[in-house]
Amino acid sequence: MTLADRIVVLKDGFVEQIGAPTELYRSPRNVFVAQFIGSPAMNVLDGRISAISSDKVTVEHAAGGSAQVAMAMGRDATDRDVRLGVRPEDLSLAEDGPHIFAGRIDQIEHLGEIQLVHLDAGLPDQPVIAKLPGALVLERGQAIRLRAEPTALHLFSDQGERLNGPANA
């Protein structure tokens, strides 16, 4: 991403998305692009829309939690299967109040200024990865909860196409 002004993401010989590195990172057109661009990859979980308000959609996800995603959607979308995405750096510790994920720390990768925390949120072979400040004192096995702002969440159809944000416009 540091070598180009524009990137073409291909899958099986077909163009998935063309754009500036930041555009592909922040507004991926689909789950493939979302997980291809960025390291570590975007966390993506299966979910179902459980409630809709004027500016938010509530998604119950496979790890047993729920998340509010900033977007407008027709009321007929309730009970629709979706995929919820969140970048590791958009997650933070939730001391009190609402959270998206809860579980125990399975692994910590100390990288100096930051640490990659692998959370066992109850999904077999699918940890939730959070990029947290390196100064936080965390231990393997510790129970934590993670949160994210509704505007930082990505919503994709069950087929993997983006439903919210600029890439859908």
Protein backbone atom coordinates (compact mmCIF):
# COMPACT_ATOMS: atom_id res chain seq x y z
CA MET A 1 0.00 0.00 0.00
CA THR A 2 2.97 2.33 0.43
CA LEU A 3 4.14 1.97 -3.16
CA ALA A 4 1.10 3.19 -5.09
CA ASP A 5 -1.39 6.03 -5.37
CA ARG A 6 -4.04 3.60 -6.64
CA ILE A 7 -4.42 -0.12 -6.06
CA VAL A 8 -6.31 -2.75 -8.04
CA VAL A 9 -7.46 -5.70 -5.92
CA LEU A 10 -8.00 -8.86 -7.99
CA LYS A 11 -9.62 -12.15 -7.04
CA ASP A 12 -9.73 -15.10 -9.42
CA GLY A 13 -8.86 -12.79 -12.33
CA PHE A 14 -11.67 -10.30 -11.62
CA VAL A 15 -11.35 -6.74 -10.29
CA GLU A 16 -12.84 -6.48 -6.81
CA GLN A 17 -12.04 -2.79 -6.20
CA ILE A 18 -9.84 0.02 -7.51
CA GLY A 19 -8.91 2.97 -5.35
CA ALA A 20 -6.44 4.83 -3.20
CA PRO A 21 -4.91 2.77 -0.38
CA THR A 22 -6.86 4.69 2.28
CA GLU A 23 -10.13 4.25 0.38
CA LEU A 24 -9.68 0.49 0.11
CA TYR A 25 -8.74 0.29 3.78
CA ARG A 26 -11.55 2.44 5.18
CA SER A 27 -14.31 1.61 2.67
CA PRO A 28 -13.77 -1.88 1.29
CA ARG A 29 -16.39 -2.88 -1.28
CA ASN A 30 -16.64 -6.43 0.07
CA VAL A 31 -15.33 -8.88 2.68
CA PHE A 32 -12.51 -10.08 0.41
CA VAL A 33 -11.06 -6.56 0.07
CA ALA A 34 -11.68 -5.88 3.79
CA GLN A 35 -9.61 -8.87 4.83
CA PHE A 36 -6.99 -8.56 2.07
CA ILE A 37 -6.02 -4.95 2.89
CA GLY A 38 -4.56 -4.36 6.36
CA SER A 39 -2.54 -6.28 8.87
CA PRO A 40 -3.85 -7.82 10.93
CA ALA A 41 -6.93 -8.43 8.79
CA MET A 42 -10.35 -7.04 9.61
CA ASN A 43 -12.33 -9.14 12.10
CA VAL A 44 -15.45 -10.41 10.28
CA LEU A 45 -18.22 -12.37 11.99
CA ASP A 46 -21.54 -13.76 10.85
CA GLY A 47 -24.56 -12.01 12.32
CA ARG A 48 -28.22 -11.13 12.00
CA ILE A 49 -29.97 -7.76 12.12
CA SER A 50 -32.15 -7.74 15.24
CA ALA A 51 -33.33 -4.11 15.38
CA ILE A 52 -33.40 -1.00 13.22
CA SER A 53 -33.68 2.66 14.27
CA SER A 54 -33.51 5.82 12.16
CA ASP A 55 -29.69 5.91 12.10
CA LYS A 56 -28.46 2.60 13.55
CA VAL A 57 -28.81 -1.11 12.95
CA THR A 58 -28.35 -3.60 15.80
CA VAL A 59 -26.55 -6.80 14.80
CA GLU A 60 -26.45 -9.93 16.96
CA HIS A 61 -23.21 -11.68 16.00
CA ALA A 62 -21.84 -15.21 16.13
CA ALA A 63 -19.73 -14.58 19.25
CA GLY A 64 -22.90 -14.01 21.27
CA GLY A 65 -22.73 -10.23 21.52
CA SER A 66 -24.35 -7.37 19.71
CA ALA A 67 -23.20 -4.21 17.99
CA GLN A 68 -24.85 -1.02 16.83
CA VAL A 69 -23.76 -0.03 13.33
CA ALA A 70 -24.25 3.57 12.16
CA MET A 71 -26.41 3.40 9.02
CA ALA A 72 -29.94 3.81 7.76
CA MET A 73 -31.79 0.75 6.50
CA GLY A 74 -35.40 -0.13 5.73
CA ARG A 75 -37.39 -1.78 8.51
CA ASP A 76 -37.94 -4.85 6.32
CA ALA A 77 -34.26 -5.75 6.84
CA THR A 78 -34.87 -7.06 10.39
CA ASP A 79 -33.80 -10.71 10.70
CA ARG A 80 -31.53 -10.37 7.66
CA ASP A 81 -28.29 -12.38 7.75
CA VAL A 82 -25.22 -10.13 7.54
CA ARG A 83 -21.50 -10.09 8.26
CA LEU A 84 -20.11 -7.62 10.79
CA GLY A 85 -16.60 -6.24 10.31
CA VAL A 86 -14.32 -4.24 12.59
CA ARG A 87 -10.65 -3.33 12.17
CA PRO A 88 -8.37 -4.35 15.08
CA GLU A 89 -7.35 -0.72 15.73
CA ASP A 90 -11.01 0.36 16.02
CA LEU A 91 -11.48 -1.84 19.10
CA SER A 92 -10.78 -0.57 22.61
CA LEU A 93 -11.26 -1.88 26.14
CA ALA A 94 -14.78 -1.45 27.50
CA GLU A 95 -14.45 -0.98 31.25
CA ASP A 96 -18.16 -0.35 31.79
CA GLY A 97 -21.13 0.02 29.52
CA PRO A 98 -21.82 -1.39 26.09
CA HIS A 99 -19.39 -3.77 24.45
CA ILE A 100 -19.25 -5.84 21.28
CA PHE A 101 -17.05 -8.74 22.34
CA ALA A 102 -16.33 -10.44 25.67
CA GLY A 103 -13.94 -13.26 26.37
CA ARG A 104 -10.53 -14.26 27.62
CA ILE A 105 -7.17 -13.25 26.22
CA ASP A 106 -5.69 -16.21 24.37
CA GLN A 107 -2.49 -14.57 23.09
CA ILE A 108 -0.69 -11.23 23.28
CA GLU A 109 1.82 -10.03 20.69
CA HIS A 110 3.88 -7.23 22.25
CA LEU A 111 5.07 -4.89 19.49
CA GLY A 112 6.36 -1.98 21.57
CA GLU A 113 3.99 0.96 21.18
CA ILE A 114 1.09 -1.41 20.49
CA GLN A 115 0.08 -4.96 21.31
CA LEU A 116 -2.09 -7.34 19.34
CA VAL A 117 -4.52 -9.03 21.69
CA HIS A 118 -6.14 -12.26 20.48
CA LEU A 119 -9.46 -12.66 22.29
CA ASP A 120 -11.18 -16.03 22.60
CA ALA A 121 -14.77 -14.83 22.19
CA GLY A 122 -16.19 -18.33 21.91
CA LEU A 123 -15.74 -18.89 18.18
CA PRO A 124 -13.71 -22.00 17.30
CA ASP A 125 -10.51 -21.12 15.41
CA GLN A 126 -11.59 -17.47 15.00
CA PRO A 127 -10.04 -15.14 17.56
CA VAL A 128 -11.05 -11.50 17.64
CA ILE A 129 -7.87 -9.43 17.27
CA ALA A 130 -7.58 -5.99 18.86
CA LYS A 131 -4.72 -3.55 18.38
CA LEU A 132 -4.35 -1.92 21.82
CA PRO A 133 -1.81 0.47 23.38
CA GLY A 134 1.40 -1.25 24.43
CA ALA A 135 1.29 0.45 27.84
CA LEU A 136 -1.83 -1.48 28.89
CA VAL A 137 -1.01 -4.24 31.35
CA LEU A 138 -2.85 -7.33 30.15
CA GLU A 139 -2.32 -11.03 30.84
CA ARG A 140 -3.11 -14.22 29.01
CA GLY A 141 -6.33 -15.71 30.40
CA GLN A 142 -7.61 -12.32 31.58
CA ALA A 143 -11.32 -11.66 30.93
CA ILE A 144 -11.88 -8.45 28.94
CA ARG A 145 -14.59 -6.72 26.96
CA LEU A 146 -14.04 -4.77 23.74
CA ARG A 147 -16.03 -1.92 22.21
CA ALA A 148 -16.04 0.14 19.02
CA GLU A 149 -17.81 3.26 17.84
CA PRO A 150 -20.87 2.55 15.64
CA THR A 151 -19.28 4.61 12.85
CA ALA A 152 -16.18 2.35 12.85
CA LEU A 153 -18.15 -0.82 12.11
CA HIS A 154 -18.60 -2.30 8.65
CA LEU A 155 -21.71 -4.16 7.58
CA PHE A 156 -21.70 -6.63 4.70
CA SER A 157 -24.45 -8.77 3.19
CA ASP A 158 -24.32 -12.50 3.86
CA GLN A 159 -22.83 -12.71 0.33
CA GLY A 160 -20.00 -10.38 1.43
CA GLU A 161 -21.02 -7.11 -0.32
CA ARG A 162 -20.77 -3.85 1.63
CA LEU A 163 -24.05 -2.43 2.96
CA ASN A 164 -22.92 0.73 4.78
CA GLY A 165 -20.53 3.59 4.10
CA PRO A 166 -19.14 5.40 1.07
CA ALA A 167 -18.30 2.27 -0.95
CA ASN A 168 -22.01 1.51 -1.18
CA ALA A 169 -22.94 4.97 -2.47
